[in-house]
Protein backbone atom coordinates (compact mmCIF):
# COMPACT_ATOMS: atom_id res chain seq x y z
CA MET A 1 -32.44 -2.23 -7.60
CA LEU A 2 -33.73 -3.05 -11.01
CA LEU A 3 -30.93 -3.96 -13.40
CA SER A 4 -32.53 -2.66 -16.25
CA LYS A 5 -32.54 0.64 -14.69
CA MET A 6 -28.90 0.75 -13.30
CA VAL A 7 -26.14 3.32 -14.66
CA GLY A 8 -23.33 1.67 -16.55
CA GLU A 9 -22.71 -1.02 -19.00
CA ARG A 10 -20.87 -4.53 -18.65
CA SER A 11 -18.83 -6.04 -21.48
CA LYS A 12 -17.76 -9.50 -22.49
CA GLU A 13 -14.21 -8.54 -23.37
CA ASN A 14 -11.26 -7.16 -20.96
CA PRO A 15 -9.78 -4.02 -22.11
CA SER A 16 -6.64 -4.77 -24.44
CA ASP A 17 -4.56 -2.24 -22.60
CA ILE A 18 -4.91 -3.22 -18.94
CA THR A 19 -2.81 -6.25 -17.36
CA ILE A 20 -3.87 -6.15 -14.05
CA LYS A 21 -6.83 -8.79 -13.83
CA SER A 22 -8.99 -7.04 -11.02
CA HIS A 23 -8.57 -3.68 -12.82
CA ALA A 24 -9.71 -5.11 -16.12
CA THR A 25 -12.64 -6.85 -14.66
CA MET A 26 -13.77 -3.63 -12.78
CA MET A 27 -14.04 -1.71 -15.92
CA ARG A 28 -15.48 -4.57 -17.66
CA GLY A 29 -18.13 -5.05 -15.12
CA GLY A 30 -19.25 -1.23 -15.06
CA TYR A 31 -17.78 -0.67 -11.89
CA MET A 32 -15.98 2.63 -12.46
CA LYS A 33 -15.01 5.03 -15.62
CA GLN A 34 -11.94 6.55 -16.26
CA VAL A 35 -11.91 10.52 -16.27
CA ALA A 36 -8.02 11.35 -16.58
CA ASN A 37 -4.87 9.38 -15.74
CA GLY A 38 -5.30 8.20 -12.05
CA ILE A 39 -8.61 9.44 -11.61
CA TYR A 40 -11.86 7.49 -12.05
CA SER A 41 -15.81 7.88 -11.43
CA LEU A 42 -17.39 5.26 -9.29
CA LEU A 43 -20.55 3.59 -10.79
CA PRO A 44 -23.25 2.13 -8.39
CA PRO A 45 -21.87 -1.33 -7.89
CA ALA A 46 -18.36 0.50 -6.78
CA LYS A 47 -19.87 3.25 -5.05
CA ARG A 48 -22.18 0.61 -2.95
CA ILE A 49 -18.80 -1.23 -2.03
CA ALA A 50 -17.03 1.70 -0.81
CA THR A 51 -19.81 3.12 1.30
CA LYS A 52 -19.73 -0.40 3.09
CA ILE A 53 -15.83 -0.20 3.44
CA GLU A 54 -16.43 3.11 4.86
CA ARG A 55 -19.42 1.86 7.22
CA ILE A 56 -16.79 -0.69 8.62
CA ILE A 57 -13.97 1.52 9.09
CA ARG A 58 -16.16 4.12 11.34
CA GLU A 59 -17.62 1.16 13.42
CA GLU A 60 -14.07 0.18 14.13
CA MET A 61 -12.74 3.72 14.75
CA ASP A 62 -15.64 4.58 17.24
CA LYS A 63 -15.03 1.44 18.89
CA ILE A 64 -11.30 2.85 19.77
CA GLU A 65 -12.88 6.20 20.84
CA GLY A 66 -12.16 7.97 17.57
CA GLN A 67 -14.28 10.84 16.74
CA GLU A 68 -14.99 11.63 13.22
CA VAL A 69 -14.59 15.17 11.79
CA LEU A 70 -13.94 16.73 8.37
CA PHE A 71 -10.87 18.55 7.56
CA PRO A 72 -10.54 21.10 4.33
CA VAL A 73 -9.23 19.74 1.12
CA VAL A 74 -7.73 23.13 0.43
CA MET A 75 -5.41 24.64 3.03
CA PRO A 76 -3.20 27.78 3.12
CA ARG A 77 0.44 27.25 2.40
CA GLU A 78 0.99 28.89 5.84
CA LEU A 79 0.26 25.59 7.59
CA TRP A 80 2.60 23.55 5.54
CA GLU A 81 5.42 26.08 6.43
CA GLU A 82 4.56 25.95 9.97
CA SER A 83 5.53 21.81 9.55
CA GLY A 84 8.30 22.56 7.24
CA ARG A 85 6.87 20.35 4.71
CA PHE A 86 5.93 23.07 2.13
CA ASP A 87 9.29 22.83 0.34
CA SER A 88 10.13 19.21 1.64
CA ILE A 89 7.30 17.54 -0.41
CA GLY A 90 7.71 17.59 -4.41
CA GLY A 91 5.72 17.62 -7.13
CA GLU A 92 2.92 15.45 -5.78
CA MET A 93 1.77 18.00 -3.91
CA VAL A 94 -0.60 20.38 -5.74
CA ARG A 95 0.19 24.16 -5.05
CA PHE A 96 -1.82 26.78 -6.37
CA THR A 97 -2.51 30.76 -5.73
CA ASP A 98 -6.14 31.78 -5.28
CA ARG A 99 -7.70 35.10 -6.82
CA ASN A 100 -6.38 36.90 -3.82
CA ASP A 101 -2.75 36.09 -4.49
CA LYS A 102 -3.10 33.76 -1.39
CA GLY A 103 -0.57 30.56 -1.74
CA MET A 104 -2.77 27.71 -1.17
CA VAL A 105 -2.24 23.58 -1.57
CA LEU A 106 -4.49 20.79 -2.22
CA GLY A 107 -4.66 18.12 0.71
CA MET A 108 -2.62 14.80 0.20
CA THR A 109 -2.63 14.03 3.76
CA HIS A 110 -3.65 16.18 6.94
CA GLU A 111 -1.30 16.27 9.88
CA GLU A 112 -0.83 20.17 9.49
CA ALA A 113 -4.85 20.41 9.77
CA ALA A 114 -5.31 17.87 12.49
CA VAL A 115 -2.67 19.83 14.81
CA HIS A 116 -4.33 23.24 13.72
CA MET A 117 -7.65 21.87 14.95
CA ALA A 118 -6.65 20.33 18.14
CA ARG A 119 -4.49 23.35 19.14
CA ASN A 120 -7.41 25.46 18.80
CA THR A 121 -9.88 23.37 20.79
CA VAL A 122 -7.61 21.32 23.45
CA SER A 123 -5.50 22.85 26.19
CA SER A 124 -5.48 20.69 29.09
CA TYR A 125 -4.55 17.00 29.79
CA GLN A 126 -7.64 16.42 31.07
CA GLN A 127 -8.82 16.42 27.44
CA MET A 128 -6.52 13.64 26.46
CA PRO A 129 -5.88 11.42 24.68
CA PHE A 130 -8.02 11.56 21.97
CA MET A 131 -8.14 10.22 18.20
CA ILE A 132 -9.74 12.54 15.34
CA TYR A 133 -10.50 10.81 12.25
CA GLN A 134 -11.87 11.73 8.69
CA ILE A 135 -12.95 9.96 5.77
CA GLN A 136 -12.59 12.25 2.70
CA THR A 137 -11.38 12.84 -0.56
CA LYS A 138 -7.51 13.60 -1.05
CA PHE A 139 -5.28 14.75 -4.32
CA ARG A 140 -1.69 13.33 -4.75
CA ASP A 141 0.09 13.71 -8.16
CA GLU A 142 1.52 10.34 -8.55
CA LYS A 143 4.10 9.97 -11.18
CA ARG A 144 2.72 6.85 -12.13
CA ALA A 145 -0.70 5.65 -11.60
CA ARG A 146 -1.40 2.14 -11.92
CA GLY A 147 -3.93 -0.86 -11.26
CA GLY A 148 -7.23 1.10 -11.58
CA LEU A 149 -7.90 2.02 -7.99
CA ILE A 150 -4.58 0.55 -6.34
CA ARG A 151 -2.70 3.89 -7.23
CA VAL A 152 -4.68 6.87 -8.12
CA ARG A 153 -4.08 10.16 -8.09
CA GLU A 154 -7.40 11.30 -6.47
CA PHE A 155 -8.47 8.93 -3.58
CA THR A 156 -10.71 8.41 -0.99
CA MET A 157 -9.01 7.84 2.42
CA LYS A 158 -9.65 7.43 6.03
CA ASP A 159 -6.88 9.31 8.24
CA GLY A 160 -6.89 9.30 11.70
CA TYR A 161 -4.53 11.44 14.22
CA SER A 162 -4.06 10.67 17.82
CA PHE A 163 -2.81 12.89 20.70
CA HIS A 164 -1.00 11.81 23.95
CA ILE A 165 0.55 12.88 26.82
CA SER A 166 3.29 10.44 27.37
CA GLN A 167 4.91 7.98 25.00
CA GLU A 168 3.44 4.93 27.06
CA ASP A 169 0.03 6.14 26.42
CA LEU A 170 0.62 6.58 22.78
CA ASP A 171 1.95 3.05 22.84
CA LYS A 172 -1.12 1.52 24.11
CA TYR A 173 -3.36 3.41 22.04
CA TYR A 174 -1.22 2.48 19.01
CA ASP A 175 -1.53 -1.31 19.94
CA ARG A 176 -5.53 -0.52 20.00
CA CYS A 177 -5.37 0.67 16.56
CA PHE A 178 -3.33 -2.16 15.35
CA ALA A 179 -5.84 -4.61 16.52
CA ALA A 180 -8.59 -2.44 14.66
CA TYR A 181 -6.58 -2.18 11.80
CA GLU A 182 -6.56 -6.02 11.68
CA ARG A 183 -10.62 -6.34 12.34
CA ILE A 184 -11.29 -3.75 9.34
CA PHE A 185 -9.03 -5.84 6.72
CA SER A 186 -10.90 -9.10 8.33
CA ARG A 187 -14.37 -7.85 8.18
CA ILE A 188 -13.95 -6.75 4.53
CA GLY A 189 -12.90 -10.25 3.40
CA MET A 190 -9.51 -9.80 2.89
CA LYS A 191 -7.50 -13.36 3.86
CA ASN A 192 -3.79 -13.03 2.80
CA PHE A 193 -2.81 -10.07 4.62
CA ILE A 194 -0.08 -9.30 7.02
CA SER A 195 1.56 -6.34 8.84
CA VAL A 196 4.92 -5.31 8.59
CA LYS A 197 7.54 -3.11 9.99
CA ALA A 198 8.09 -0.04 7.60
CA ASP A 199 9.58 3.05 6.92
CA SER A 200 8.10 6.36 8.36
CA GLY A 201 9.32 8.16 4.93
CA MET A 202 7.71 11.93 4.71
CA MET A 203 5.33 11.14 7.48
CA GLY A 204 8.22 11.39 9.76
CA GLY A 205 8.03 9.39 13.06
CA SER A 206 10.21 6.53 14.76
CA VAL A 207 7.74 3.57 14.53
CA SER A 208 5.52 2.58 11.84
CA HIS A 209 3.73 -0.39 10.46
CA GLU A 210 2.14 -1.25 7.14
CA PHE A 211 -0.39 -3.48 6.36
CA MET A 212 0.03 -5.47 3.11
CA LEU A 213 -2.02 -7.68 1.05
CA LEU A 214 0.34 -10.68 -0.28
CA THR A 215 -0.38 -10.72 -4.00
CA GLU A 216 1.89 -11.08 -7.30
CA ILE A 217 0.86 -7.70 -8.36
CA GLY A 218 2.17 -5.67 -5.73
CA GLU A 219 4.84 -3.06 -6.15
CA ASP A 220 5.95 -3.02 -2.48
CA THR A 221 8.35 -5.99 -1.82
CA ILE A 222 8.45 -7.65 1.98
CA ALA A 223 10.98 -9.64 3.46
CA ILE A 224 9.46 -12.44 5.57
CA CYS A 225 10.81 -15.58 7.71
CA ASP A 226 8.18 -18.05 8.38
CA ASP A 227 10.12 -19.32 10.94
CA CYS A 228 9.96 -16.80 13.75
CA GLY A 229 7.46 -14.38 11.99
CA TYR A 230 9.74 -11.41 11.13
CA ARG A 231 8.29 -9.05 8.47
CA ALA A 232 9.78 -5.75 7.13
CA ASN A 233 9.25 -3.83 4.05
CA MET A 234 12.35 -3.73 1.83
CA GLU A 235 12.86 -0.35 2.80
CA VAL A 236 13.77 -1.03 6.35
CA ALA A 237 14.45 -4.62 6.21
CA ASP A 238 18.03 -5.71 7.27
CA CYS A 239 20.51 -7.51 4.76
CA ILE A 240 22.60 -10.14 6.74
CA LEU A 241 24.34 -12.32 4.50
CA ASN A 242 25.29 -15.97 4.84
CA THR A 243 29.21 -16.63 4.63
CA PHE A 244 30.80 -16.61 1.26
CA ASP A 245 33.91 -17.77 0.03
CA TYR A 246 35.94 -14.97 -1.41
CA GLY A 247 39.00 -17.08 -2.26
CA THR A 248 42.56 -16.62 -1.63
CA ASP A 249 43.66 -13.11 -0.30
CA CYS A 250 46.33 -11.79 -2.65
CA ALA A 251 48.09 -8.35 -3.54
CA SER A 252 46.15 -5.85 -5.40
CA GLU A 253 46.90 -4.87 -8.84
CA GLU A 254 45.49 -2.56 -11.74
CA VAL A 255 44.24 -5.01 -14.77
CA PHE A 256 42.98 -3.70 -18.10
CA THR A 257 39.22 -4.04 -18.47
CA GLY A 258 38.39 -1.69 -21.42
CA ASP A 259 34.84 -1.32 -22.48
CA ALA A 260 33.68 -3.69 -19.43
CA LYS A 261 31.64 -0.95 -17.23
CA GLU A 262 28.73 -3.15 -15.98
CA ILE A 263 29.39 -5.66 -12.96
CA SER A 264 28.08 -8.67 -15.30
CA GLN A 265 30.58 -7.62 -17.98
CA VAL A 266 33.68 -7.15 -15.41
CA CYS A 267 32.79 -10.89 -13.97
CA GLU A 268 32.73 -12.17 -17.37
CA MET A 269 35.97 -10.64 -18.40
CA LEU A 270 37.83 -11.66 -15.20
CA SER A 271 35.91 -15.09 -14.40
CA ILE A 272 34.90 -13.97 -11.10
CA ALA A 273 31.43 -14.25 -9.40
CA SER A 274 29.56 -10.88 -8.80
CA GLU A 275 30.07 -11.46 -5.18
CA ASN A 276 33.87 -10.82 -5.57
CA THR A 277 33.14 -7.25 -6.87
CA ILE A 278 32.57 -3.74 -5.23
CA LYS A 279 29.75 -1.78 -6.87
CA ALA A 280 29.67 1.97 -6.54
CA VAL A 281 26.39 4.12 -6.62
CA SER A 282 26.59 7.69 -6.75
CA PHE A 283 23.94 10.10 -5.80
CA ALA A 284 23.12 13.78 -5.64
CA ILE A 285 21.43 15.17 -2.53
CA LYS A 286 18.35 17.25 -3.52
CA ASP A 287 18.39 20.73 -2.46
CA ASP A 288 22.09 20.72 -1.62
CA THR A 289 24.30 21.36 -4.68
CA GLU A 290 27.24 21.43 -2.60
CA LYS A 291 27.01 17.81 -1.25
CA SER A 292 26.73 14.39 -2.93
CA CYS A 293 26.47 10.82 -1.63
CA LEU A 294 28.77 7.48 -3.09
CA VAL A 295 27.73 4.24 -1.82
CA PHE A 296 30.14 1.07 -2.08
CA LEU A 297 28.48 -2.35 -1.53
CA ARG A 298 28.93 -5.75 -2.83
CA GLY A 299 28.52 -6.19 -6.50
CA ASP A 300 25.21 -8.69 -6.28
CA LEU A 301 23.40 -6.46 -4.10
CA GLU A 302 21.33 -3.34 -4.83
CA VAL A 303 21.20 -0.02 -2.86
CA ASN A 304 18.38 0.49 -0.50
CA GLU A 305 17.58 4.27 -1.30
CA ALA A 306 15.46 4.84 1.71
CA LYS A 307 18.02 3.68 4.35
CA VAL A 308 20.58 5.99 2.20
CA LYS A 309 18.04 8.53 2.55
CA LYS A 310 18.14 8.18 6.47
CA ILE A 311 21.62 8.42 6.79
CA VAL A 312 22.01 11.53 4.69
CA GLN A 313 18.77 13.21 5.95
CA GLY A 314 17.76 14.09 2.65
CA GLU A 315 16.15 13.11 -0.49
CA ILE A 316 18.48 11.52 -3.01
CA LEU A 317 18.71 11.58 -6.70
CA PRO A 318 20.80 9.89 -9.29
CA SER A 319 24.00 11.46 -9.88
CA ASP A 320 25.09 12.94 -13.46
CA LEU A 321 28.83 12.13 -13.60
CA SER A 322 29.24 13.74 -16.93
CA SER A 323 30.79 16.77 -15.48
CA SER A 324 32.35 15.01 -12.30
CA GLU A 325 35.82 13.47 -11.90
CA LEU A 326 34.52 10.30 -11.26
CA VAL A 327 34.73 7.74 -14.18
CA ALA A 328 31.28 5.95 -14.55
CA GLY A 329 31.79 2.26 -14.57
CA ASN A 330 35.36 2.70 -13.18
CA ILE A 331 34.48 4.06 -9.58
CA GLY A 332 36.34 2.40 -6.61
CA PRO A 333 37.07 3.40 -3.07
CA ILE A 334 40.88 2.87 -3.20
CA GLY A 335 42.83 6.13 -3.23
CA LEU A 336 39.41 8.30 -3.75
CA SER A 337 39.48 11.38 -2.42
CA LEU A 338 36.48 13.88 -2.84
CA LYS A 339 35.32 16.85 -1.25
CA ASN A 340 31.78 17.36 0.18
CA THR A 341 30.87 13.75 -0.36
CA VAL A 342 29.37 11.51 2.10
CA MET A 343 30.93 7.94 1.22
CA LEU A 344 29.14 4.93 2.70
CA PHE A 345 30.53 1.59 2.95
CA ASP A 346 27.57 -1.52 3.17
CA GLU A 347 28.03 -4.15 5.94
CA SER A 348 28.29 -6.59 2.98
CA LEU A 349 31.92 -5.52 2.09
CA GLN A 350 33.32 -5.92 5.80
CA GLY A 351 35.89 -8.70 6.21
CA ALA A 352 35.90 -9.17 2.10
CA VAL A 353 38.83 -10.08 0.17
CA ASN A 354 39.93 -11.00 -3.14
CA MET A 355 37.41 -8.38 -4.48
CA VAL A 356 37.53 -6.42 -7.87
CA CYS A 357 36.86 -2.54 -7.90
CA GLY A 358 37.26 0.19 -10.12
CA ALA A 359 40.41 2.10 -10.57
CA ASN A 360 38.97 5.37 -10.54
CA LYS A 361 40.12 5.78 -14.41
CA ALA A 362 39.00 4.89 -17.78
CA ASP A 363 39.54 0.98 -18.87
CA PHE A 364 41.08 -0.11 -15.66
CA HIS A 365 39.80 -2.02 -12.48
CA ILE A 366 41.81 -3.21 -9.22
CA LYS A 367 41.57 -6.75 -8.39
CA GLY A 368 42.79 -8.58 -5.06
CA VAL A 369 41.44 -5.71 -3.02
CA ASN A 370 41.42 -6.65 0.87
CA ILE A 371 38.90 -4.23 2.46
CA ALA A 372 40.63 -4.17 5.68
CA ARG A 373 44.34 -4.31 4.26
CA ASP A 374 43.38 -1.58 1.95
CA LEU A 375 40.88 0.80 2.88
CA ASP A 376 40.42 2.60 6.06
CA VAL A 377 36.61 2.36 6.70
CA LYS A 378 35.63 3.82 10.23
CA LYS A 379 32.11 2.40 9.83
CA PHE A 380 30.21 0.26 7.91
CA VAL A 381 26.64 0.83 7.36
CA ASN A 382 23.42 -1.51 6.29
CA VAL A 383 22.25 0.11 2.97
CA SER A 384 21.65 -2.87 0.87
CA LYS A 385 18.39 -4.34 -0.11
CA ALA A 386 17.32 -7.75 1.38
CA ILE A 387 17.81 -10.77 -0.53
CA ASP A 388 15.98 -14.27 -0.52
CA ASN A 389 17.67 -16.58 1.97
CA ALA A 390 19.19 -13.91 4.06
CA ILE A 391 19.93 -14.50 7.35
CA CYS A 392 16.81 -13.29 9.85
CA PRO A 393 17.89 -10.39 12.14
CA ILE A 394 15.49 -12.07 14.80
CA CYS A 395 16.04 -15.85 14.58
CA LYS A 396 19.61 -15.83 12.66
CA THR A 397 18.17 -18.47 10.33
CA SER A 398 18.95 -18.17 6.68
CA HIS A 399 15.04 -18.41 6.03
CA ILE A 400 14.30 -14.70 4.78
CA THR A 401 11.97 -14.82 1.65
CA LEU A 402 10.90 -12.01 -0.40
CA LYS A 403 7.24 -11.46 -1.59
CA ASN A 404 5.19 -8.67 -3.06
CA GLY A 405 2.25 -6.89 -1.68
CA ILE A 406 -0.15 -4.20 -1.94
CA GLU A 407 -0.17 -1.27 0.97
CA ILE A 408 -3.67 -1.13 2.29
CA GLY A 409 -2.87 0.50 5.45
CA ASN A 410 -0.32 2.08 7.59
CA ILE A 411 0.10 3.64 10.89
CA PHE A 412 2.61 5.60 12.19
CA GLN A 413 4.09 6.98 15.74
CA LEU A 414 4.70 10.64 14.82
CA GLY A 415 6.37 11.58 18.13
CA THR A 416 6.39 15.50 18.45
CA LYS A 417 7.46 16.32 14.71
CA TYR A 418 4.25 18.10 13.84
CA SER A 419 2.86 19.39 17.21
CA SER A 420 6.35 20.76 18.29
CA ALA A 421 6.92 22.50 14.72
CA MET A 422 3.40 23.92 15.01
CA LYS A 423 4.01 25.13 18.37
CA MET A 424 1.12 23.04 19.97
CA THR A 425 1.00 22.52 23.81
CA VAL A 426 -1.34 21.79 26.50
CA LEU A 427 -0.95 21.90 30.43
CA ASP A 428 0.03 18.64 32.09
CA GLN A 429 -1.23 17.83 35.80
CA ASN A 430 1.54 20.22 37.13
CA GLY A 431 0.27 23.21 35.15
CA LYS A 432 3.12 23.12 32.81
CA ALA A 433 3.00 23.43 29.16
CA VAL A 434 3.85 20.21 27.16
CA THR A 435 4.21 19.23 23.57
CA PRO A 436 1.79 16.24 22.62
CA ILE A 437 2.92 13.06 21.25
CA MET A 438 1.22 12.00 17.99
CA GLY A 439 -0.07 8.92 16.20
CA CYS A 440 -1.26 8.82 12.61
CA TYR A 441 -3.33 5.95 10.91
CA GLY A 442 -4.43 5.77 7.27
CA ILE A 443 -6.49 3.20 4.99
CA GLY A 444 -7.27 4.04 1.61
CA VAL A 445 -10.87 3.07 0.70
CA GLY A 446 -10.54 2.72 -3.06
CA ARG A 447 -7.33 0.94 -2.79
CA ALA A 448 -9.23 -1.57 -0.03
CA MET A 449 -11.82 -2.24 -2.67
CA ALA A 450 -9.54 -2.78 -5.47
CA SER A 451 -7.27 -5.24 -3.20
CA VAL A 452 -10.48 -7.45 -1.99
CA ALA A 453 -11.01 -7.47 -5.85
CA GLU A 454 -7.60 -8.60 -6.99
CA GLU A 455 -7.77 -11.50 -4.02
CA ASN A 456 -11.15 -12.62 -5.29
CA VAL A 457 -11.10 -12.27 -9.30
CA ASP A 458 -11.57 -15.26 -11.35
CA ASP A 459 -12.25 -15.50 -15.23
CA ARG A 460 -16.16 -14.64 -14.89
CA GLY A 461 -15.94 -11.72 -12.36
CA ILE A 462 -15.29 -10.90 -8.81
CA VAL A 463 -16.53 -12.90 -6.08
CA TRP A 464 -17.37 -10.38 -3.48
CA PRO A 465 -17.40 -11.15 0.24
CA MET A 466 -20.89 -10.83 1.79
CA SER A 467 -19.75 -7.64 3.99
CA ILE A 468 -18.76 -5.51 1.15
CA ALA A 469 -20.58 -7.08 -1.93
CA PRO A 470 -22.86 -4.37 -3.60
CA TRP A 471 -25.71 -6.40 -3.52
CA GLN A 472 -26.10 -9.71 -1.33
CA VAL A 473 -28.57 -11.17 -3.52
CA SER A 474 -28.96 -11.31 -7.19
CA LEU A 475 -32.54 -12.43 -8.61
CA CYS A 476 -32.37 -13.51 -11.95
CA PRO A 477 -35.73 -14.92 -13.10
CA LEU A 478 -35.69 -16.70 -16.71
CA LYS A 479 -38.73 -16.05 -19.34
CA VAL A 480 -39.67 -12.94 -17.43
CA ASN A 481 -42.27 -12.20 -20.25
CA GLN A 482 -44.20 -15.04 -18.76
CA GLU A 483 -46.71 -13.73 -16.65
CA SER A 484 -46.22 -16.53 -13.80
CA VAL A 485 -42.43 -16.04 -13.62
CA LYS A 486 -42.75 -12.12 -13.37
CA LEU A 487 -45.28 -12.45 -10.78
CA ALA A 488 -43.42 -14.86 -8.64
CA SER A 489 -40.10 -12.76 -9.35
CA ASP A 490 -41.94 -9.50 -8.47
CA THR A 491 -43.34 -11.02 -5.35
CA LEU A 492 -39.95 -12.30 -4.00
CA TYR A 493 -38.20 -8.88 -4.96
CA SER A 494 -40.85 -7.06 -2.64
CA ASP A 495 -40.49 -9.65 0.15
CA LEU A 496 -36.57 -9.51 0.09
CA GLN A 497 -36.67 -5.78 0.14
CA ASN A 498 -39.11 -5.61 3.03
CA ALA A 499 -37.02 -7.74 4.99
CA GLY A 500 -33.93 -5.78 4.48
CA VAL A 501 -32.33 -7.98 2.10
CA GLU A 502 -29.97 -6.25 -0.66
CA VAL A 503 -31.18 -7.53 -4.00
CA LEU A 504 -30.33 -6.86 -7.59
CA TYR A 505 -33.23 -7.82 -9.77
CA ASP A 506 -32.43 -8.59 -13.33
CA ASP A 507 -36.04 -7.55 -14.96
CA ARG A 508 -34.54 -7.67 -18.39
CA ASN A 509 -36.12 -10.09 -20.85
CA ALA A 510 -32.74 -11.57 -21.82
CA SER A 511 -31.22 -15.22 -22.37
CA PRO A 512 -30.06 -17.03 -19.38
CA GLY A 513 -26.30 -16.79 -20.31
CA PHE A 514 -26.45 -13.09 -20.81
CA LYS A 515 -28.31 -12.89 -17.31
CA PHE A 516 -25.80 -15.31 -15.77
CA ALA A 517 -22.59 -13.53 -17.10
CA ASP A 518 -23.55 -10.26 -15.80
CA ALA A 519 -24.81 -11.75 -12.42
CA GLU A 520 -21.02 -13.37 -12.33
CA LEU A 521 -19.41 -9.74 -13.12
CA ILE A 522 -21.17 -8.20 -10.44
CA GLY A 523 -20.64 -10.64 -8.13
CA ALA A 524 -23.57 -10.88 -5.49
CA PRO A 525 -22.84 -13.64 -3.21
CA ILE A 526 -26.25 -15.42 -3.70
CA ARG A 527 -28.22 -15.83 -6.92
CA LEU A 528 -31.67 -16.82 -7.20
CA VAL A 529 -33.29 -18.07 -10.45
CA ILE A 530 -37.09 -18.52 -10.76
CA SER A 531 -37.95 -20.17 -14.33
CA PRO A 532 -41.08 -21.93 -15.50
CA ARG A 533 -39.45 -25.33 -14.83
CA SER A 534 -38.62 -24.11 -10.93
CA LEU A 535 -42.22 -23.18 -10.61
CA GLU A 536 -43.35 -26.90 -11.84
CA THR A 537 -42.13 -27.71 -8.21
CA ASN A 538 -42.71 -24.44 -6.43
CA GLU A 539 -39.21 -24.15 -6.03
CA VAL A 540 -36.32 -21.56 -6.54
CA GLU A 541 -32.77 -22.41 -7.64
CA VAL A 542 -29.98 -20.89 -5.31
CA ALA A 543 -26.55 -20.60 -6.90
CA PHE A 544 -23.27 -19.15 -5.04
CA ARG A 545 -20.81 -17.01 -6.41
CA ASN A 546 -17.87 -18.88 -4.62
CA GLY A 547 -18.78 -22.05 -6.31
CA ALA A 548 -20.68 -24.13 -3.71
CA GLU A 549 -23.01 -26.44 -4.84
CA LYS A 550 -26.37 -25.08 -6.25
CA GLU A 551 -29.49 -26.02 -4.27
CA MET A 552 -33.41 -26.09 -4.92
CA VAL A 553 -35.64 -24.54 -2.03
CA ALA A 554 -39.27 -24.08 -1.82
CA ILE A 555 -40.41 -20.82 -2.41
CA GLU A 556 -42.35 -20.31 0.69
CA ASN A 557 -39.08 -21.11 2.43
CA ILE A 558 -36.65 -18.93 0.49
CA LEU A 559 -36.63 -15.80 2.53
CA SER A 560 -35.47 -17.51 5.57
CA TYR A 561 -33.17 -19.48 3.73
CA VAL A 562 -31.58 -16.43 2.31
CA GLN A 563 -31.49 -14.65 5.66
CA GLU A 564 -29.96 -17.52 7.22
CA LYS A 565 -27.13 -17.65 4.55
CA ILE A 566 -26.21 -13.98 4.92
CA ALA A 567 -26.06 -14.08 8.64
CA THR A 568 -23.88 -17.13 8.45
CA ALA A 569 -21.58 -15.21 6.11
CA MET A 570 -21.37 -12.30 8.01
CA ALA A 571 -20.66 -13.92 11.28
CA GLU A 572 -17.63 -15.85 9.73
CA LEU A 573 -16.02 -12.56 8.65
CA ASN A 574 -16.97 -10.86 11.90
CA LYS A 575 -15.71 -13.21 14.38
């Protein structure tokens, strides 16, 4: 590729309105252009990277007997009504009516399409197990797009769906796909990624894992125990607290607290720790105007909404208390009687004494609350978010740490959620109709690219791994207007191309600093420099984007040298 002809421009300055470094660098480096909020066009460097990521994904999916298919982007609403998701998914799914007045949806995920394909093509256990996958554009109307390609509205994704006769068979295949994902992320050059136990969310199913790239810019929080290897997304992480000294048990009494509504204000007024308070959080249950949920937990903790959703089996929203009998800032569990309200007590309150809670009337709280004495709690549940230094549920040490991460892939054991709802059956060994058990496996291509960029960005650009670099070699001749330099550079460019080396040839008559700045932004792992000085000794200067020491290599040896460096780098990524 001749750089003088490449579509796109590079800039010295980062966009002022972008805070995430990888996003700013990809915009500055001419990788992508924003078309609308969360919607981007990929320019040649990014498209080449995406194509390489897709090739690695295909190779690993094919290794585990995946069969590539292509589902439609647009689907009739009837398919989603069959699964029950047409009404359960909110505004993130685009719905519209076509010219024939037929309800349609834009695909944001393709479980329904996969079952539709399978139930019309597979009828016997002898055709199972099988996995079908696609790499395709999807649209999800995210409320808050961020980070360039990290969280977008339109995206390219690999999603796969496996079908099995037995749970044992699914378990075996799930493990194979898990290993394939680890190979994919290693091959595309990610280093600091882990797998975590996750919440299935709208996908359904009982077992799921997310693959996370650990990074400070990640918006997911992960609970990790370095002692035993326990790892879980915050949505499902257990919150097991260390013993806390609540003080001396005493009789309960009402106290005037006036305008003190927040936990911090109450603690300051009464000179107590937040651990000695009971927090109340009220939720409305979506699509059920008759029912609400009230959660009580220790005041230093936060409610884990994903856990609450599982218990109430529905979506939840913050309650509007303006027309409620509850007094915002003074809600407490003592003497509270509410109709059609699910009341949940977090495990953090079990055995607590000397607590302070709202008195259910303006300006007052109750202190000296003893949970066992003053409340008749039938069951405590785990609905709080994990915290640093909590107790690990596996090894029981207080070594839980919270880290941020970007979700780079996910796998789910869906069970029969979709196949049963959509009435898919096959005949088993005894000729009996059975419902297949499903698995689901997803990777976002653009997010993978952005995540690698985030892990490898520096002040000069992006240090792309050899496996997905837009070009393996950047050829930067200096004083290309001199005949000897141009002839040597043209010859080397031709030799590299003929040998199958991907090379970006900077054929512009520009200064060394200008050329090198563009080369580092684009991030080819190897840079070859031919100059009048290097030609005096019949050599090529070799520089490496990762900062390794430069070398001078004889022109007659440069092709084999470059091929060896590429092969070594690829072997390291693939091993």
